[in-house]
C-alpha atoms as a PDB file:
ATOM      1  CA  UNK A   1      -0.218   0.140  -0.068  1.00  0.00           C
ATOM      2  CA  UNK A   2       2.781   2.287   0.765  1.00  0.00           C
ATOM      3  CA  UNK A   3       4.704   1.672  -2.243  1.00  0.00           C
ATOM      4  CA  UNK A   4       1.638   2.477  -4.264  1.00  0.00           C
ATOM      5  CA  UNK A   5       1.294   5.936  -2.777  1.00  0.00           C
ATOM      6  CA  UNK A   6       5.027   6.452  -3.328  1.00  0.00           C
ATOM      7  CA  UNK A   7       4.595   5.696  -6.505  1.00  0.00           C
ATOM      8  CA  UNK A   8       1.725   7.625  -7.391  1.00  0.00           C
ATOM      9  CA  UNK A   9       3.460  10.478  -5.603  1.00  0.00           C
ATOM     10  CA  UNK A  10       6.431  10.765  -7.525  1.00  0.00           C
ATOM     11  CA  UNK A  11       4.324  10.463 -10.856  1.00  0.00           C
ATOM     12  CA  UNK A  12       2.173  13.425  -9.778  1.00  0.00           C
ATOM     13  CA  UNK A  13       5.451  15.430  -9.208  1.00  0.00           C
ATOM     14  CA  UNK A  14       6.839  14.530 -12.283  1.00  0.00           C
ATOM     15  CA  UNK A  15       3.926  15.732 -14.194  1.00  0.00           C
ATOM     16  CA  UNK A  16       3.900  18.841 -12.488  1.00  0.00           C
ATOM     17  CA  UNK A  17       7.456  19.370 -12.989  1.00  0.00           C
ATOM     18  CA  UNK A  18       6.769  18.700 -17.060  1.00  0.00           C
ATOM     19  CA  UNK A  19       3.926  21.274 -16.689  1.00  0.00           C
ATOM     20  CA  UNK A  20       6.237  23.887 -15.573  1.00  0.00           C
ATOM     21  CA  UNK A  21       8.895  23.112 -18.174  1.00  0.00           C
ATOM     22  CA  UNK A  22       6.297  23.023 -21.091  1.00  0.00           C
ATOM     23  CA  UNK A  23       5.159  26.702 -19.458  1.00  0.00           C
ATOM     24  CA  UNK A  24       9.127  27.924 -19.996  1.00  0.00           C
ATOM     25  CA  UNK A  25       8.493  26.888 -23.864  1.00  0.00           C
ATOM     26  CA  UNK A  26      10.537  23.800 -23.599  1.00  0.00           C
ATOM     27  CA  UNK A  27       8.528  21.156 -24.894  1.00  0.00           C
ATOM     28  CA  UNK A  28      10.582  18.424 -25.762  1.00  0.00           C
ATOM     29  CA  UNK A  29      12.108  18.365 -22.264  1.00  0.00           C
ATOM     30  CA  UNK A  30       8.750  18.410 -20.692  1.00  0.00           C
ATOM     31  CA  UNK A  31       7.679  15.281 -22.777  1.00  0.00           C
ATOM     32  CA  UNK A  32      10.496  13.547 -21.836  1.00  0.00           C
ATOM     33  CA  UNK A  33       9.868  14.208 -17.932  1.00  0.00           C
ATOM     34  CA  UNK A  34       6.389  13.351 -18.825  1.00  0.00           C
ATOM     35  CA  UNK A  35       6.933  10.327 -20.201  1.00  0.00           C
ATOM     36  CA  UNK A  36       9.456   9.401 -16.985  1.00  0.00           C
ATOM     37  CA  UNK A  37       6.985  10.397 -14.256  1.00  0.00           C
ATOM     38  CA  UNK A  38       4.475   8.048 -16.381  1.00  0.00           C
ATOM     39  CA  UNK A  39       6.498   4.853 -15.657  1.00  0.00           C
ATOM     40  CA  UNK A  40       6.330   4.479 -11.744  1.00  0.00           C
ATOM     41  CA  UNK A  41       1.969   5.090 -12.113  1.00  0.00           C
ATOM     42  CA  UNK A  42       2.229   2.463 -15.083  1.00  0.00           C
ATOM     43  CA  UNK A  43       3.947  -0.178 -13.057  1.00  0.00           C
ATOM     44  CA  UNK A  44       1.254   0.555 -10.092  1.00  0.00           C
ATOM     45  CA  UNK A  45      -1.435  -0.202 -12.490  1.00  0.00           C
ATOM     46  CA  UNK A  46      -0.098  -3.503 -13.953  1.00  0.00           C
ATOM     47  CA  UNK A  47       0.853  -5.141 -10.581  1.00  0.00           C
ATOM     48  CA  UNK A  48       4.529  -5.138 -10.913  1.00  0.00           C
ATOM     49  CA  UNK A  49       4.821  -3.210  -7.635  1.00  0.00           C
ATOM     50  CA  UNK A  50       2.766  -4.812  -5.386  1.00  0.00           C
ATOM     51  CA  UNK A  51       4.691  -8.376  -6.927  1.00  0.00           C
ATOM     52  CA  UNK A  52       7.964  -6.810  -6.144  1.00  0.00           C
ATOM     53  CA  UNK A  53       6.800  -5.444  -2.786  1.00  0.00           C
ATOM     54  CA  UNK A  54       5.672  -8.775  -1.468  1.00  0.00           C
ATOM     55  CA  UNK A  55       8.678 -10.660  -2.784  1.00  0.00           C
ATOM     56  CA  UNK A  56      11.225  -7.929  -1.564  1.00  0.00           C
ATOM     57  CA  UNK A  57       9.397  -9.067   2.094  1.00  0.00           C
ATOM     58  CA  UNK A  58       9.476 -12.899   1.768  1.00  0.00           C
ATOM     59  CA  UNK A  59      11.793 -14.639   3.632  1.00  0.00           C
ATOM     60  CA  UNK A  60      11.247 -18.062   1.293  1.00  0.00           C
ATOM     61  CA  UNK A  61      11.898 -15.334  -1.864  1.00  0.00           C
ATOM     62  CA  UNK A  62      15.843 -14.482  -0.239  1.00  0.00           C
ATOM     63  CA  UNK A  63      16.024 -18.167   0.688  1.00  0.00           C
ATOM     64  CA  UNK A  64      15.577 -18.779  -2.965  1.00  0.00           C
ATOM     65  CA  UNK A  65      17.785 -15.822  -3.293  1.00  0.00           C
ATOM     66  CA  UNK A  66      20.464 -17.416  -1.675  1.00  0.00           C
ATOM     67  CA  UNK A  67      20.224 -20.746  -2.746  1.00  0.00           C
ATOM     68  CA  UNK A  68      20.403 -19.382  -6.734  1.00  0.00           C
ATOM     69  CA  UNK A  69      23.740 -17.637  -5.495  1.00  0.00           C
ATOM     70  CA  UNK A  70      25.224 -20.726  -3.947  1.00  0.00           C
ATOM     71  CA  UNK A  71      24.454 -22.639  -7.331  1.00  0.00           C
ATOM     72  CA  UNK A  72      25.867 -19.945  -9.355  1.00  0.00           C
ATOM     73  CA  UNK A  73      28.733 -20.313  -6.818  1.00  0.00           C
ATOM     74  CA  UNK A  74      29.185 -24.049  -7.214  1.00  0.00           C
ATOM     75  CA  UNK A  75      29.195 -23.994 -11.078  1.00  0.00           C
ATOM     76  CA  UNK A  76      31.714 -21.398 -11.184  1.00  0.00           C
ATOM     77  CA  UNK A  77      34.136 -22.939  -8.961  1.00  0.00           C
ATOM     78  CA  UNK A  78      33.775 -26.253 -11.026  1.00  0.00           C
ATOM     79  CA  UNK A  79      34.491 -24.479 -14.112  1.00  0.00           C
ATOM     80  CA  UNK A  80      37.368 -22.774 -12.613  1.00  0.00           C
ATOM     81  CA  UNK A  81      38.747 -26.387 -11.394  1.00  0.00           C
ATOM     82  CA  UNK A  82      37.731 -27.632 -14.930  1.00  0.00           C
ATOM     83  CA  UNK A  83      39.637 -24.976 -16.807  1.00  0.00           C
ATOM     84  CA  UNK A  84      43.062 -25.668 -14.603  1.00  0.00           C
ATOM     85  CA  UNK A  85      42.953 -29.444 -14.958  1.00  0.00           C
ATOM     86  CA  UNK A  86      41.994 -29.398 -18.668  1.00  0.00           C
ATOM     87  CA  UNK A  87      38.710 -30.747 -18.861  1.00  0.00           C
ATOM     88  CA  UNK A  88      37.647 -34.570 -17.741  1.00  0.00           C
ATOM     89  CA  UNK A  89      39.944 -37.176 -18.368  1.00  0.00           C
ATOM     90  CA  UNK A  90      37.368 -38.420 -21.067  1.00  0.00           C
ATOM     91  CA  UNK A  91      36.991 -35.020 -22.785  1.00  0.00           C
ATOM     92  CA  UNK A  92      40.947 -34.610 -22.903  1.00  0.00           C
ATOM     93  CA  UNK A  93      40.941 -37.984 -24.569  1.00  0.00           C
ATOM     94  CA  UNK A  94      38.432 -37.415 -27.164  1.00  0.00           C
ATOM     95  CA  UNK A  95      39.832 -34.125 -28.014  1.00  0.00           C
ATOM     96  CA  UNK A  96      42.987 -35.762 -28.773  1.00  0.00           C
ATOM     97  CA  UNK A  97      41.472 -38.311 -30.645  1.00  0.00           C
ATOM     98  CA  UNK A  98      39.637 -35.417 -32.699  1.00  0.00           C
ATOM     99  CA  UNK A  99      42.814 -33.906 -33.329  1.00  0.00           C
ATOM    100  CA  UNK A 100      44.145 -34.194 -36.773  1.00  0.00           C
ATOM    101  CA  UNK A 101      47.691 -35.437 -37.509  1.00  0.00           C
ATOM    102  CA  UNK A 102      50.253 -33.031 -38.738  1.00  0.00           C
ATOM    103  CA  UNK A 103      50.182 -32.125 -42.355  1.00  0.00           C
ATOM    104  CA  UNK A 104      54.027 -32.401 -42.464  1.00  0.00           C
ATOM    105  CA  UNK A 105      55.456 -33.730 -38.719  1.00  0.00           C
ATOM    106  CA  UNK A 106      59.123 -33.435 -40.057  1.00  0.00           C
ATOM    107  CA  UNK A 107      59.278 -29.846 -40.855  1.00  0.00           C
ATOM    108  CA  UNK A 108      61.190 -27.623 -39.330  1.00  0.00           C
ATOM    109  CA  UNK A 109      59.630 -24.557 -36.670  1.00  0.00           C
ATOM    110  CA  UNK A 110      58.872 -21.582 -38.711  1.00  0.00           C
ATOM    111  CA  UNK A 111      61.274 -18.523 -38.864  1.00  0.00           C
ATOM    112  CA  UNK A 112      60.481 -15.922 -36.139  1.00  0.00           C
ATOM    113  CA  UNK A 113      62.302 -13.308 -37.546  1.00  0.00           C
ATOM    114  CA  UNK A 114      65.220 -11.198 -36.692  1.00  0.00           C
ATOM    115  CA  UNK A 115      63.656  -9.829 -33.145  1.00  0.00           C
ATOM    116  CA  UNK A 116      63.067 -13.118 -31.848  1.00  0.00           C
ATOM    117  CA  UNK A 117      66.419 -14.871 -33.017  1.00  0.00           C
ATOM    118  CA  UNK A 118      68.656 -11.626 -30.947  1.00  0.00           C
ATOM    119  CA  UNK A 119      66.648 -12.740 -27.676  1.00  0.00           C
ATOM    120  CA  UNK A 120      67.331 -16.728 -28.174  1.00  0.00           C
ATOM    121  CA  UNK A 121      71.453 -15.830 -28.248  1.00  0.00           C
ATOM    122  CA  UNK A 122      73.525 -17.242 -25.614  1.00  0.00           C
ATOM    123  CA  UNK A 123      74.939 -15.229 -22.806  1.00  0.00           C
ATOM    124  CA  UNK A 124      78.053 -15.612 -23.834  1.00  0.00           C
ATOM    125  CA  UNK A 125      77.598 -14.195 -27.339  1.00  0.00           C
ATOM    126  CA  UNK A 126      79.540 -10.677 -27.858  1.00  0.00           C
ATOM    127  CA  UNK A 127      76.929  -7.463 -28.522  1.00  0.00           C
ATOM    128  CA  UNK A 128      76.822  -6.091 -31.776  1.00  0.00           C
ATOM    129  CA  UNK A 129      78.307  -2.264 -31.752  1.00  0.00           C
ATOM    130  CA  UNK A 130      76.186   0.801 -32.485  1.00  0.00           C
ATOM    131  CA  UNK A 131      78.484   0.790 -35.244  1.00  0.00           C
ATOM    132  CA  UNK A 132      77.328  -2.273 -36.830  1.00  0.00           C
ATOM    133  CA  UNK A 133      73.828  -0.996 -36.991  1.00  0.00           C
ATOM    134  CA  UNK A 134      74.970   2.216 -38.698  1.00  0.00           C
ATOM    135  CA  UNK A 135      76.611   1.101 -41.602  1.00  0.00           C
ATOM    136  CA  UNK A 136      74.112  -0.206 -43.275  1.00  0.00           C
ATOM    137  CA  UNK A 137      72.425   2.981 -43.237  1.00  0.00           C
ATOM    138  CA  UNK A 138      75.775   4.379 -43.986  1.00  0.00           C
ATOM    139  CA  UNK A 139      75.757   2.104 -47.027  1.00  0.00           C
ATOM    140  CA  UNK A 140      72.521   3.186 -48.334  1.00  0.00           C
ATOM    141  CA  UNK A 141      73.020   6.998 -48.093  1.00  0.00           C
ATOM    142  CA  UNK A 142      76.075   6.368 -50.198  1.00  0.00           C
ATOM    143  CA  UNK A 143      74.530   4.300 -52.853  1.00  0.00           C
ATOM    144  CA  UNK A 144      71.705   7.300 -53.059  1.00  0.00           C
ATOM    145  CA  UNK A 145      74.671  10.117 -53.087  1.00  0.00           C
ATOM    146  CA  UNK A 146      73.897  11.522 -49.772  1.00  0.00           C
END
């Protein structure tokens, strides 16, 4: 009963503000305010407010929310553990069986480029100096006559 009264008061106040806004020649804003202010009274008329109020103060409804939260927590926990393990044994076995054989099993690994090769260099190898890097640039500049 109190929820319906509050919603009706909010709608009446909103419609009053919409009338004042329309009086100031801001019709678009007034129409938007009127639309927002009609929502609470529409919810009261459809019975949504009574349903929400009944469920909000119902211990059975809150117990149901707790049960749903526990179920969601169990689903999330088991899924996280399953991902960490890589799935069940049967799923891993089926996945391995479904994988196609390699097209060229004896082929070498693809080239990773200059950047990746420099990171795999042994620690004892001497580092290239800055002059080695600029020698290529100098050769290009000389070729173009600069």
